[in-house]
Protein backbone atom coordinates (compact mmCIF):
# COMPACT_ATOMS: atom_id res chain seq x y z
CA UNK A 1 147.99 68.83 120.02
CA UNK A 2 150.96 71.16 119.76
CA UNK A 3 153.10 70.44 116.71
CA UNK A 4 156.28 68.51 117.48
CA UNK A 5 159.58 70.40 117.45
CA UNK A 6 161.26 68.73 114.51
CA UNK A 7 161.96 69.85 110.91
CA UNK A 8 159.34 69.10 108.27
CA UNK A 9 161.35 69.66 105.92
CA UNK A 10 160.00 72.83 104.31
CA UNK A 11 161.93 72.98 101.05
CA UNK A 12 163.56 76.26 102.09
CA UNK A 13 166.69 76.97 104.07
CA UNK A 14 168.94 79.45 105.83
CA UNK A 15 169.71 81.39 102.64
CA UNK A 16 166.08 81.68 101.49
CA UNK A 17 164.67 85.19 101.24
CA UNK A 18 161.24 86.51 102.12
CA UNK A 19 160.45 87.03 98.43
CA UNK A 20 161.37 83.42 97.63
CA UNK A 21 159.21 82.13 100.48
CA UNK A 22 156.12 84.04 99.39
CA UNK A 23 156.46 83.36 95.68
CA UNK A 24 153.17 82.12 94.26
CA UNK A 25 151.14 83.05 97.35
CA UNK A 26 148.23 85.43 96.83
CA UNK A 27 147.20 87.38 99.93
CA UNK A 28 144.51 89.49 98.29
CA UNK A 29 141.70 89.99 100.78
CA UNK A 30 143.94 89.22 103.76
CA UNK A 31 144.83 91.75 106.44
CA UNK A 32 148.17 91.86 108.25
CA UNK A 33 149.50 93.89 111.17
CA UNK A 34 153.28 94.08 111.49
CA UNK A 35 154.77 95.70 114.58
CA UNK A 36 158.20 97.12 113.89
CA UNK A 37 157.13 97.15 110.25
CA UNK A 38 159.08 100.27 109.41
CA UNK A 39 162.59 99.07 110.23
CA UNK A 40 164.88 96.11 109.54
CA UNK A 41 163.27 92.73 109.05
CA UNK A 42 159.89 94.15 110.07
CA UNK A 43 159.97 96.55 107.13
CA UNK A 44 160.92 93.73 104.76
CA UNK A 45 158.13 91.57 106.19
CA UNK A 46 155.59 94.37 105.66
CA UNK A 47 156.85 95.05 102.15
CA UNK A 48 156.68 91.43 101.05
CA UNK A 49 153.24 90.80 102.55
CA UNK A 50 151.96 93.93 100.81
CA UNK A 51 153.54 92.85 97.50
CA UNK A 52 151.53 89.62 97.72
CA UNK A 53 148.30 91.60 97.99
CA UNK A 54 147.67 91.82 101.74
CA UNK A 55 146.36 94.94 103.41
CA UNK A 56 149.21 95.88 105.76
CA UNK A 57 148.89 97.99 108.89
CA UNK A 58 152.04 99.13 110.68
CA UNK A 59 151.68 100.44 114.24
CA UNK A 60 154.44 102.93 115.01
CA UNK A 61 155.61 105.18 117.83
CA UNK A 62 157.29 107.57 115.36
CA UNK A 63 154.68 108.22 112.67
CA UNK A 64 156.87 110.48 110.53
CA UNK A 65 159.74 107.99 110.48
CA UNK A 66 157.38 105.12 109.70
CA UNK A 67 155.68 106.96 106.85
CA UNK A 68 159.05 107.84 105.36
CA UNK A 69 160.32 104.26 105.64
CA UNK A 70 157.15 102.90 104.02
CA UNK A 71 156.98 105.41 101.18
CA UNK A 72 158.02 102.66 98.75
CA UNK A 73 155.35 100.27 100.04
CA UNK A 74 152.21 101.65 98.34
CA UNK A 75 149.04 101.24 100.36
CA UNK A 76 150.69 100.38 103.67
CA UNK A 77 148.79 101.99 106.55
CA UNK A 78 150.53 103.60 109.53
CA UNK A 79 148.83 104.04 112.89
CA UNK A 80 150.15 105.30 116.21
CA UNK A 81 151.09 102.79 118.91
CA UNK A 82 153.81 102.59 121.57
CA UNK A 83 154.46 99.14 123.05
CA UNK A 84 155.45 100.76 126.36
CA UNK A 85 152.18 102.70 126.57
CA UNK A 86 149.22 100.43 127.42
CA UNK A 87 146.69 103.15 126.59
CA UNK A 88 148.10 103.52 123.08
CA UNK A 89 147.91 99.74 122.52
CA UNK A 90 144.26 99.78 123.56
CA UNK A 91 143.57 102.77 121.29
CA UNK A 92 145.23 101.10 118.30
CA UNK A 93 143.29 97.89 118.85
CA UNK A 94 140.00 99.70 119.34
CA UNK A 95 140.47 101.60 116.07
CA UNK A 96 141.33 98.41 114.21
CA UNK A 97 138.34 96.54 115.65
CA UNK A 98 136.08 99.47 114.77
CA UNK A 99 137.10 99.07 111.12
CA UNK A 100 135.33 95.70 111.14
CA UNK A 101 138.21 93.94 109.43
CA UNK A 102 139.35 90.44 110.35
CA UNK A 103 143.05 90.03 111.15
CA UNK A 104 144.61 87.15 109.27
CA UNK A 105 148.28 87.77 110.06
CA UNK A 106 149.87 89.43 113.09
CA UNK A 107 153.67 89.61 113.06
CA UNK A 108 155.14 90.83 116.34
CA UNK A 109 158.48 91.99 114.98
CA UNK A 110 159.21 95.10 117.05
CA UNK A 111 161.79 94.79 119.77
CA UNK A 112 164.76 96.19 121.65
CA UNK A 113 168.00 94.46 122.54
CA UNK A 114 170.54 94.56 125.36
CA UNK A 115 169.57 98.04 126.51
CA UNK A 116 170.77 99.71 129.71
CA UNK A 117 168.41 99.21 132.64
CA UNK A 118 165.29 101.33 132.25
CA UNK A 119 161.74 100.88 133.48
CA UNK A 120 158.39 101.91 132.10
CA UNK A 121 155.80 103.97 133.98
CA UNK A 122 154.62 100.82 135.79
CA UNK A 123 158.13 99.98 136.96
CA UNK A 124 158.51 97.08 134.55
CA UNK A 125 161.91 96.34 133.00
CA UNK A 126 161.67 97.68 129.46
CA UNK A 127 163.03 94.76 127.43
CA UNK A 128 160.43 92.44 128.96
CA UNK A 129 157.75 95.14 128.75
CA UNK A 130 158.47 95.97 125.10
CA UNK A 131 159.37 92.62 123.60
CA UNK A 132 156.80 90.51 125.44
CA UNK A 133 154.21 92.34 127.50
CA UNK A 134 153.26 94.98 124.91
CA UNK A 135 152.73 92.29 122.30
CA UNK A 136 150.82 90.15 124.78
CA UNK A 137 148.42 93.05 125.39
CA UNK A 138 148.10 93.69 121.65
CA UNK A 139 147.13 90.08 120.94
CA UNK A 140 144.62 90.06 123.78
CA UNK A 141 142.96 93.26 122.53
CA UNK A 142 142.92 92.14 118.89
CA UNK A 143 141.54 88.69 119.72
CA UNK A 144 138.06 89.29 118.19
CA UNK A 145 139.66 90.25 114.86
CA UNK A 146 141.91 87.18 114.93
CA UNK A 147 138.89 84.95 115.57
CA UNK A 148 136.97 86.67 112.77
CA UNK A 149 139.71 85.72 110.29
CA UNK A 150 138.74 82.05 110.68
CA UNK A 151 142.35 80.98 110.20
CA UNK A 152 144.69 83.57 111.69
CA UNK A 153 148.40 83.24 112.34
CA UNK A 154 150.41 85.10 114.97
CA UNK A 155 154.18 85.19 114.55
CA UNK A 156 156.39 86.26 117.46
CA UNK A 157 159.95 87.19 116.57
CA UNK A 158 162.10 85.51 119.20
CA UNK A 159 165.85 84.89 118.92
CA UNK A 160 168.65 82.47 119.55
CA UNK A 161 169.11 84.90 122.43
CA UNK A 162 166.92 82.47 124.37
CA UNK A 163 170.26 80.95 125.35
CA UNK A 164 171.03 83.94 127.57
CA UNK A 165 168.24 83.24 130.01
CA UNK A 166 164.99 81.58 130.98
CA UNK A 167 162.06 83.56 132.41
CA UNK A 168 162.72 84.31 136.09
CA UNK A 169 159.21 84.34 137.51
CA UNK A 170 160.54 85.34 140.93
CA UNK A 171 162.20 88.52 139.65
CA UNK A 172 160.94 89.44 136.19
CA UNK A 173 161.96 93.08 136.49
CA UNK A 174 165.39 92.80 138.09
CA UNK A 175 164.30 94.26 141.39
CA UNK A 176 166.48 91.86 143.40
CA UNK A 177 169.07 90.41 141.00
CA UNK A 178 171.86 92.27 139.23
CA UNK A 179 170.74 93.63 135.89
CA UNK A 180 172.63 92.31 132.88
CA UNK A 181 171.48 93.56 129.44
CA UNK A 182 171.78 90.20 127.70
CA UNK A 183 170.20 88.30 130.57
CA UNK A 184 167.18 90.60 130.31
CA UNK A 185 167.17 90.24 126.53
CA UNK A 186 167.31 86.46 126.81
CA UNK A 187 164.40 86.46 129.25
CA UNK A 188 162.29 88.57 126.88
CA UNK A 189 163.09 86.37 123.88
CA UNK A 190 162.31 83.20 125.84
CA UNK A 191 159.03 84.88 126.77
CA UNK A 192 158.32 85.45 123.06
CA UNK A 193 158.75 81.73 122.39
CA UNK A 194 156.67 80.65 125.38
CA UNK A 195 153.95 83.12 124.40
CA UNK A 196 153.55 81.37 121.04
CA UNK A 197 153.18 78.00 122.76
CA UNK A 198 150.34 79.06 125.04
CA UNK A 199 148.71 81.35 122.48
CA UNK A 200 148.51 78.43 120.08
CA UNK A 201 146.99 76.19 122.76
CA UNK A 202 144.35 78.76 123.66
CA UNK A 203 143.60 79.90 120.13
CA UNK A 204 143.60 76.80 117.99
CA UNK A 205 139.92 75.93 118.57
CA UNK A 206 139.06 79.40 117.25
CA UNK A 207 141.33 79.08 114.24
CA UNK A 208 144.29 81.01 115.68
CA UNK A 209 147.72 79.38 115.33
CA UNK A 210 150.97 80.82 116.62
CA UNK A 211 154.67 80.47 115.92
CA UNK A 212 157.90 81.96 117.23
CA UNK A 213 160.94 82.50 115.04
CA UNK A 214 164.67 83.05 115.20
CA UNK A 215 165.41 85.33 112.23
CA UNK A 216 169.20 84.97 112.36
CA UNK A 217 171.90 87.52 113.12
CA UNK A 218 171.34 90.64 111.04
CA UNK A 219 173.62 93.44 112.16
CA UNK A 220 172.51 96.13 109.70
CA UNK A 221 169.35 96.98 111.64
CA UNK A 222 168.72 99.32 114.56
CA UNK A 223 168.23 96.40 116.97
CA UNK A 224 171.90 96.15 117.91
CA UNK A 225 172.51 99.88 118.36
CA UNK A 226 173.44 99.46 122.03
CA UNK A 227 176.18 96.93 121.30
CA UNK A 228 179.85 97.89 121.00
CA UNK A 229 181.78 97.08 117.81
CA UNK A 230 183.79 94.45 119.69
CA UNK A 231 180.62 92.41 120.17
CA UNK A 232 180.13 92.12 116.41
CA UNK A 233 183.74 91.02 115.90
CA UNK A 234 183.46 88.47 118.70
CA UNK A 235 180.36 87.01 117.06
CA UNK A 236 182.11 86.79 113.70
CA UNK A 237 179.56 89.18 112.21
CA UNK A 238 182.28 91.58 111.00
CA UNK A 239 185.82 90.82 109.90
CA UNK A 240 189.07 92.43 111.08
CA UNK A 241 188.51 95.36 108.70
CA UNK A 242 185.01 95.95 110.03
CA UNK A 243 183.24 94.58 106.96
CA UNK A 244 179.96 92.74 107.43
CA UNK A 245 180.20 88.96 107.10
CA UNK A 246 177.33 87.19 105.33
CA UNK A 247 177.09 83.45 105.95
CA UNK A 248 173.55 82.06 106.35
CA UNK A 249 174.97 78.70 107.42
CA UNK A 250 176.18 80.50 110.56
CA UNK A 251 172.97 82.55 110.85
CA UNK A 252 174.75 85.69 109.55
CA UNK A 253 172.00 86.91 107.25
CA UNK A 254 170.83 89.76 105.10
CA UNK A 255 167.59 91.55 105.95
CA UNK A 256 165.64 89.66 103.20
CA UNK A 257 166.98 86.37 104.58
CA UNK A 258 166.20 87.45 108.14
CA UNK A 259 162.57 88.20 107.27
CA UNK A 260 162.05 84.89 105.47
CA UNK A 261 161.11 82.73 108.46
CA UNK A 262 158.52 85.23 109.72
CA UNK A 263 156.94 85.34 106.27
CA UNK A 264 157.07 81.55 105.96
CA UNK A 265 155.33 81.08 109.30
CA UNK A 266 152.72 83.69 108.39
CA UNK A 267 151.84 82.32 104.97
CA UNK A 268 153.05 78.80 104.20
CA UNK A 269 150.41 76.21 103.35
CA UNK A 270 152.89 73.64 104.66
CA UNK A 271 152.01 74.83 108.18
CA UNK A 272 148.26 74.42 107.83
CA UNK A 273 146.88 72.84 111.00
CA UNK A 274 150.15 73.30 112.81
CA UNK A 275 151.42 75.73 115.46
CA UNK A 276 152.97 76.33 118.84
CA UNK A 277 156.51 75.78 117.57
CA UNK A 278 159.79 77.69 117.39
CA UNK A 279 161.14 78.01 113.86
CA UNK A 280 164.31 79.10 112.08
CA UNK A 281 165.75 78.90 108.58
CA UNK A 282 162.19 78.60 107.23
CA UNK A 283 161.52 75.34 109.05
CA UNK A 284 160.54 74.00 112.45
CA UNK A 285 163.56 73.81 114.74
CA UNK A 286 164.61 70.58 116.42
CA UNK A 287 164.62 70.35 120.20
CA UNK A 288 168.12 70.58 121.69
CA UNK A 289 168.79 67.57 123.90
CA UNK A 290 170.82 67.74 127.11
CA UNK A 291 173.65 65.89 125.35
CA UNK A 292 173.67 68.39 122.47
CA UNK A 293 173.30 71.58 124.49
CA UNK A 294 176.99 72.36 125.04
CA UNK A 295 177.75 72.04 121.32
CA UNK A 296 174.64 74.01 120.39
CA UNK A 297 175.62 76.88 122.67
CA UNK A 298 179.18 76.90 121.31
CA UNK A 299 178.19 77.79 117.75
CA UNK A 300 175.35 79.14 115.64
CA UNK A 301 175.55 76.54 112.87
CA UNK A 302 173.26 73.96 114.46
CA UNK A 303 169.53 74.82 114.51
CA UNK A 304 167.54 74.14 117.62
CA UNK A 305 165.52 75.42 120.55
CA UNK A 306 166.20 74.86 124.24
CA UNK A 307 163.43 72.91 126.00
CA UNK A 308 162.71 75.66 128.53
CA UNK A 309 161.72 78.03 125.71
CA UNK A 310 158.88 75.77 124.54
CA UNK A 311 157.84 74.24 127.85
CA UNK A 312 154.02 74.17 127.99
CA UNK A 313 153.81 74.53 131.78
CA UNK A 314 156.08 77.58 131.76
CA UNK A 315 154.09 78.97 128.83
CA UNK A 316 150.81 78.65 130.73
CA UNK A 317 152.35 80.26 133.80
CA UNK A 318 153.73 83.16 131.74
CA UNK A 319 150.28 83.81 130.27
CA UNK A 320 148.69 83.97 133.71
CA UNK A 321 151.46 86.21 135.10
CA UNK A 322 151.22 88.49 132.05
CA UNK A 323 147.48 88.91 132.53
CA UNK A 324 148.07 89.98 136.13
CA UNK A 325 150.78 92.42 135.07
CA UNK A 326 148.35 94.12 132.69
CA UNK A 327 145.96 94.87 135.53
CA UNK A 328 148.53 96.64 137.71
C-alpha cells in the first residue's frame, strides 16, 4: 500500500538543516547519485551524503563547473550527463551499471524553472523534458542498480509550484495552448510528484521506494535566474531594500534548510517500509482538502499537497505516456 499523506511526525521541522537530519547516520558502503549535485540544494545534498560516508556520483552537463563546485567535497565523482540528451543519459547509466555497484540513493535534484519557451531536439517542451522526462529515463536505465541495492530510495525534487498546474495529457508540450512559464513549471513539478507515486508502486516489491519533496523557497540558487526582481518582492522573499528574507515558517529557507527534506527522505530510518508520498519540512505533507485549498493557495505557511499531484491513476497514466515519449 502507498503510505498515507499525513505527517508522522518526524521530529524535524521547517528550520532543520541537512546536517541535522543526517546526524548519527552512517552511509559507509552506500552509493548515491545526485543530479544537480553541483549547485544549490543539490550541492548541499551531495556534500552531506558524502560527509556521512556515501560514495557520491554527480552527473553534470558542465564538467568543469561541477568539478570546481565539488572541490571541497573530497571523493565526489563527476560524470557527464545532459538531461535533455537521451543518448548521454543512456551512456551515463551504462557506465554506472558497468561498475557493478548497487545504487542505494538517487536524488533527482536538477531542474529548471519558469524558462522562456524552448524545445529539445525531439520537440518536447524543455521544462517537462528536463525536470521530468530526463529523470524518468535515468531511473528506468538505472533500475538494475536500484534493485541490486536491496533497499533503494529515489527522491524527486518537486515544488509547491504544483499549484501552478496539473499535467495536461492532451497538450504536454504547449503545441495548442498558450505557453506560460509558470504553467509549464507547475506541470513539470506535478509530474515529479506523480512520478514518485507510480515509481513507488512499481518498485516496492523489488525494494525500491520513492518520495517527492518540496524543498522550500530558496532564492540564492541558479534555479530562479529567469525571474525578475519584482517576483521575489511579491513573494516576500526579499524586503524593500532587496535583502533576502529568511523565515522557514513561510518556506523562505537557506540552502542547508532547503536540502534537508531530500536528505531526510533519502536516509531516515523513520521512513523504512514507506514511500509514494510528497514531503516537506522533513515530514510527510498532509493532503489539502477542497475546503482548505483556497487558504492553502493564499499563503506558504500551511504544509500540504494538492490531490491531483499524488493521484495514483494520473501517476500510472504519466508513466505510460512517458515510456511512449522515450521511444519517439
